[in-house]
Amino acid sequence: MLNISGLNEGYVLDHIKAGECMEIYTWLGLDRLDTEVALIKNVKSKKMGKKDIIKIEGEHSLNFDMLGVMDPNITIDVIKGGVITEKRKPSMPEYVEGIIKCKNPRCITTVEQGLTHRFKLTDPEKGTYRCVYCEQSFKKR
């Protein structure tokens, strides 16, 4: 059995859908951090069958809005002094800015440089967001 040591300070992102930890790693910009990050893929899970886990050492500001967009079922464990001090579940924000990019080539965000990409949650059940400028949909799940 694989053993990854515990954290003294940091975060554990748990219950990530199997195979998606690399995408979350990239979206969170963890590759730009000068800290220890452990990606654990395809861990056996009674609840999910298989899951991924990300462990991040140290204090960092995580974009919880992004996690809610990526997968609101993720569990975020806050570790202090080697123990879990808080468990968080990201929520799907009503609006997101600068997280999702509109893929519509005719959208004003493609033409106007510097215009922030802005999406509104239109279907919470399906996790669908729509561009506020052109109605292009984005669905992660």
C-alpha atoms as a PDB file:
ATOM      1  CA  MET A   1       0.000   0.000   0.000  1.00  0.00           C
ATOM      2  CA  LEU A   2       1.257   3.485  -0.887  1.00  0.00           C
ATOM      3  CA  ASN A   3       1.963   5.755   2.087  1.00  0.00           C
ATOM      4  CA  ILE A   4       2.117   9.530   1.661  1.00  0.00           C
ATOM      5  CA  SER A   5       3.148  11.335   4.832  1.00  0.00           C
ATOM      6  CA  GLY A   6       0.753  13.635   6.636  1.00  0.00           C
ATOM      7  CA  LEU A   7       0.825  17.413   6.550  1.00  0.00           C
ATOM      8  CA  ASN A   8       1.678  19.728   9.402  1.00  0.00           C
ATOM      9  CA  GLU A   9       0.084  22.805   7.757  1.00  0.00           C
ATOM     10  CA  GLY A  10      -1.860  22.932   4.518  1.00  0.00           C
ATOM     11  CA  TYR A  11      -4.820  21.508   2.636  1.00  0.00           C
ATOM     12  CA  VAL A  12      -6.042  18.130   1.485  1.00  0.00           C
ATOM     13  CA  LEU A  13      -8.412  18.184  -1.487  1.00  0.00           C
ATOM     14  CA  ASP A  14     -10.309  14.917  -1.201  1.00  0.00           C
ATOM     15  CA  HIS A  15     -13.106  13.203  -3.125  1.00  0.00           C
ATOM     16  CA  ILE A  16     -11.846  14.436  -6.507  1.00  0.00           C
ATOM     17  CA  LYS A  17     -13.329  12.445  -9.363  1.00  0.00           C
ATOM     18  CA  ALA A  18     -10.747   9.840 -10.463  1.00  0.00           C
ATOM     19  CA  GLY A  19      -8.467  11.133 -13.199  1.00  0.00           C
ATOM     20  CA  GLU A  20      -9.173  14.846 -12.631  1.00  0.00           C
ATOM     21  CA  CYS A  21      -6.453  15.837 -10.145  1.00  0.00           C
ATOM     22  CA  MET A  22      -4.063  17.034 -12.891  1.00  0.00           C
ATOM     23  CA  GLU A  23      -6.712  19.384 -14.306  1.00  0.00           C
ATOM     24  CA  ILE A  24      -7.416  20.819 -10.840  1.00  0.00           C
ATOM     25  CA  TYR A  25      -3.658  21.061 -10.190  1.00  0.00           C
ATOM     26  CA  THR A  26      -3.302  23.184 -13.322  1.00  0.00           C
ATOM     27  CA  TRP A  27      -6.446  25.318 -12.737  1.00  0.00           C
ATOM     28  CA  LEU A  28      -5.328  26.137  -9.189  1.00  0.00           C
ATOM     29  CA  GLY A  29      -1.862  27.106 -10.431  1.00  0.00           C
ATOM     30  CA  LEU A  30      -0.201  24.663  -8.037  1.00  0.00           C
ATOM     31  CA  ASP A  31       2.632  24.204 -10.542  1.00  0.00           C
ATOM     32  CA  ARG A  32       3.681  27.798  -9.774  1.00  0.00           C
ATOM     33  CA  LEU A  33       3.937  27.221  -6.016  1.00  0.00           C
ATOM     34  CA  ASP A  34       7.311  26.682  -4.388  1.00  0.00           C
ATOM     35  CA  THR A  35       5.969  24.096  -1.956  1.00  0.00           C
ATOM     36  CA  GLU A  36       5.335  20.383  -1.634  1.00  0.00           C
ATOM     37  CA  VAL A  37       2.285  19.119  -3.500  1.00  0.00           C
ATOM     38  CA  ALA A  38       1.294  15.449  -3.660  1.00  0.00           C
ATOM     39  CA  LEU A  39      -1.056  14.179  -6.375  1.00  0.00           C
ATOM     40  CA  ILE A  40      -2.527  10.796  -5.568  1.00  0.00           C
ATOM     41  CA  LYS A  41      -4.504   9.199  -8.373  1.00  0.00           C
ATOM     42  CA  ASN A  42      -6.978   6.329  -8.440  1.00  0.00           C
ATOM     43  CA  VAL A  43      -7.188   5.745  -4.681  1.00  0.00           C
ATOM     44  CA  LYS A  44      -9.697   3.070  -3.688  1.00  0.00           C
ATOM     45  CA  SER A  45     -12.840   4.583  -2.227  1.00  0.00           C
ATOM     46  CA  LYS A  46     -15.882   2.832  -0.778  1.00  0.00           C
ATOM     47  CA  LYS A  47     -18.102   5.775  -1.703  1.00  0.00           C
ATOM     48  CA  MET A  48     -16.729   6.579  -5.170  1.00  0.00           C
ATOM     49  CA  GLY A  49     -15.013   3.388  -6.301  1.00  0.00           C
ATOM     50  CA  LYS A  50     -11.879   5.390  -7.161  1.00  0.00           C
ATOM     51  CA  LYS A  51     -10.904   8.959  -6.385  1.00  0.00           C
ATOM     52  CA  ASP A  52      -7.986  11.390  -6.583  1.00  0.00           C
ATOM     53  CA  ILE A  53      -6.456  13.381  -3.719  1.00  0.00           C
ATOM     54  CA  ILE A  54      -4.246  16.484  -3.706  1.00  0.00           C
ATOM     55  CA  LYS A  55      -2.150  17.397  -0.651  1.00  0.00           C
ATOM     56  CA  ILE A  56      -0.736  20.939  -0.479  1.00  0.00           C
ATOM     57  CA  GLU A  57       1.844  21.824   2.175  1.00  0.00           C
ATOM     58  CA  GLY A  58       1.752  25.313   3.716  1.00  0.00           C
ATOM     59  CA  GLU A  59      -0.618  28.287   3.855  1.00  0.00           C
ATOM     60  CA  HIS A  60      -1.984  29.308   0.461  1.00  0.00           C
ATOM     61  CA  SER A  61      -5.032  31.148  -0.773  1.00  0.00           C
ATOM     62  CA  LEU A  62      -7.054  28.644  -2.779  1.00  0.00           C
ATOM     63  CA  ASN A  63      -9.708  29.737  -5.231  1.00  0.00           C
ATOM     64  CA  PHE A  64     -12.728  28.016  -3.691  1.00  0.00           C
ATOM     65  CA  ASP A  65     -14.967  29.461  -6.430  1.00  0.00           C
ATOM     66  CA  MET A  66     -12.896  27.568  -8.986  1.00  0.00           C
ATOM     67  CA  LEU A  67     -13.223  24.359  -6.997  1.00  0.00           C
ATOM     68  CA  GLY A  68     -17.003  24.831  -6.850  1.00  0.00           C
ATOM     69  CA  VAL A  69     -17.064  25.190 -10.628  1.00  0.00           C
ATOM     70  CA  MET A  70     -14.751  22.216 -11.201  1.00  0.00           C
ATOM     71  CA  ASP A  71     -16.451  19.832  -8.785  1.00  0.00           C
ATOM     72  CA  PRO A  72     -18.661  20.911  -5.855  1.00  0.00           C
ATOM     73  CA  ASN A  73     -18.320  17.390  -4.375  1.00  0.00           C
ATOM     74  CA  ILE A  74     -14.676  17.942  -3.447  1.00  0.00           C
ATOM     75  CA  THR A  75     -13.907  18.046   0.273  1.00  0.00           C
ATOM     76  CA  ILE A  76     -11.293  20.542   1.469  1.00  0.00           C
ATOM     77  CA  ASP A  77      -9.574  19.617   4.728  1.00  0.00           C
ATOM     78  CA  VAL A  78      -7.672  22.458   6.413  1.00  0.00           C
ATOM     79  CA  ILE A  79      -4.682  21.098   8.340  1.00  0.00           C
ATOM     80  CA  LYS A  80      -3.043  22.996  11.225  1.00  0.00           C
ATOM     81  CA  GLY A  81      -0.594  21.495  13.659  1.00  0.00           C
ATOM     82  CA  GLY A  82      -0.918  18.118  11.956  1.00  0.00           C
ATOM     83  CA  VAL A  83      -4.697  17.808  12.551  1.00  0.00           C
ATOM     84  CA  ILE A  84      -7.782  18.619  10.508  1.00  0.00           C
ATOM     85  CA  THR A  85      -9.135  21.864  11.948  1.00  0.00           C
ATOM     86  CA  GLU A  86     -11.841  22.475   9.376  1.00  0.00           C
ATOM     87  CA  LYS A  87     -13.668  20.653   6.582  1.00  0.00           C
ATOM     88  CA  ARG A  88     -15.069  22.714   3.716  1.00  0.00           C
ATOM     89  CA  LYS A  89     -17.280  21.928   0.752  1.00  0.00           C
ATOM     90  CA  PRO A  90     -16.994  24.389  -2.113  1.00  0.00           C
ATOM     91  CA  SER A  91     -20.255  25.787  -3.387  1.00  0.00           C
ATOM     92  CA  MET A  92     -21.112  26.581  -6.958  1.00  0.00           C
ATOM     93  CA  PRO A  93     -20.932  30.371  -7.159  1.00  0.00           C
ATOM     94  CA  GLU A  94     -23.740  32.221  -8.946  1.00  0.00           C
ATOM     95  CA  TYR A  95     -21.199  34.223 -10.969  1.00  0.00           C
ATOM     96  CA  VAL A  96     -17.583  33.459 -11.817  1.00  0.00           C
ATOM     97  CA  GLU A  97     -15.058  35.861 -13.308  1.00  0.00           C
ATOM     98  CA  GLY A  98     -11.702  35.013 -14.820  1.00  0.00           C
ATOM     99  CA  ILE A  99     -11.988  31.276 -14.125  1.00  0.00           C
ATOM    100  CA  ILE A 100     -13.748  29.974 -17.233  1.00  0.00           C
ATOM    101  CA  LYS A 101     -12.898  31.281 -20.698  1.00  0.00           C
ATOM    102  CA  CYS A 102     -15.615  31.619 -23.333  1.00  0.00           C
ATOM    103  CA  LYS A 103     -14.978  29.335 -26.284  1.00  0.00           C
ATOM    104  CA  ASN A 104     -17.293  31.207 -28.667  1.00  0.00           C
ATOM    105  CA  PRO A 105     -15.036  32.820 -31.319  1.00  0.00           C
ATOM    106  CA  ARG A 106     -17.670  35.540 -31.885  1.00  0.00           C
ATOM    107  CA  CYS A 107     -17.979  36.496 -28.219  1.00  0.00           C
ATOM    108  CA  ILE A 108     -16.940  40.037 -27.324  1.00  0.00           C
ATOM    109  CA  THR A 109     -14.445  38.573 -24.817  1.00  0.00           C
ATOM    110  CA  THR A 110     -12.519  37.137 -27.786  1.00  0.00           C
ATOM    111  CA  VAL A 111     -12.390  40.484 -29.613  1.00  0.00           C
ATOM    112  CA  GLU A 112     -11.955  42.912 -26.690  1.00  0.00           C
ATOM    113  CA  GLN A 113      -8.603  42.287 -25.008  1.00  0.00           C
ATOM    114  CA  GLY A 114      -8.732  42.820 -21.269  1.00  0.00           C
ATOM    115  CA  LEU A 115     -12.476  42.151 -20.954  1.00  0.00           C
ATOM    116  CA  THR A 116     -13.004  39.731 -18.078  1.00  0.00           C
ATOM    117  CA  HIS A 117     -14.722  36.465 -18.914  1.00  0.00           C
ATOM    118  CA  ARG A 118     -17.876  36.323 -16.790  1.00  0.00           C
ATOM    119  CA  PHE A 119     -20.246  33.375 -16.436  1.00  0.00           C
ATOM    120  CA  LYS A 120     -23.565  32.906 -14.618  1.00  0.00           C
ATOM    121  CA  LEU A 121     -24.753  29.620 -13.121  1.00  0.00           C
ATOM    122  CA  THR A 122     -27.881  28.730 -15.114  1.00  0.00           C
ATOM    123  CA  ASP A 123     -28.445  25.074 -14.194  1.00  0.00           C
ATOM    124  CA  PRO A 124     -27.113  24.027 -10.768  1.00  0.00           C
ATOM    125  CA  GLU A 125     -28.311  20.429 -11.215  1.00  0.00           C
ATOM    126  CA  LYS A 126     -26.143  19.940 -14.309  1.00  0.00           C
ATOM    127  CA  GLY A 127     -23.413  22.393 -13.309  1.00  0.00           C
ATOM    128  CA  THR A 128     -24.008  24.567 -16.375  1.00  0.00           C
ATOM    129  CA  TYR A 129     -22.647  28.094 -16.579  1.00  0.00           C
ATOM    130  CA  ARG A 130     -23.366  30.546 -19.428  1.00  0.00           C
ATOM    131  CA  CYS A 131     -21.321  33.479 -20.668  1.00  0.00           C
ATOM    132  CA  VAL A 132     -23.115  36.690 -19.676  1.00  0.00           C
ATOM    133  CA  TYR A 133     -22.181  38.269 -23.016  1.00  0.00           C
ATOM    134  CA  CYS A 134     -23.065  35.581 -25.596  1.00  0.00           C
ATOM    135  CA  GLU A 135     -24.856  32.781 -23.674  1.00  0.00           C
ATOM    136  CA  GLN A 136     -22.185  30.176 -24.633  1.00  0.00           C
ATOM    137  CA  SER A 137     -22.469  27.312 -22.143  1.00  0.00           C
ATOM    138  CA  PHE A 138     -19.774  25.713 -20.033  1.00  0.00           C
ATOM    139  CA  LYS A 139     -20.470  22.443 -18.240  1.00  0.00           C
ATOM    140  CA  LYS A 140     -17.742  20.736 -16.259  1.00  0.00           C
ATOM    141  CA  ARG A 141     -19.525  17.700 -14.904  1.00  0.00           C
END
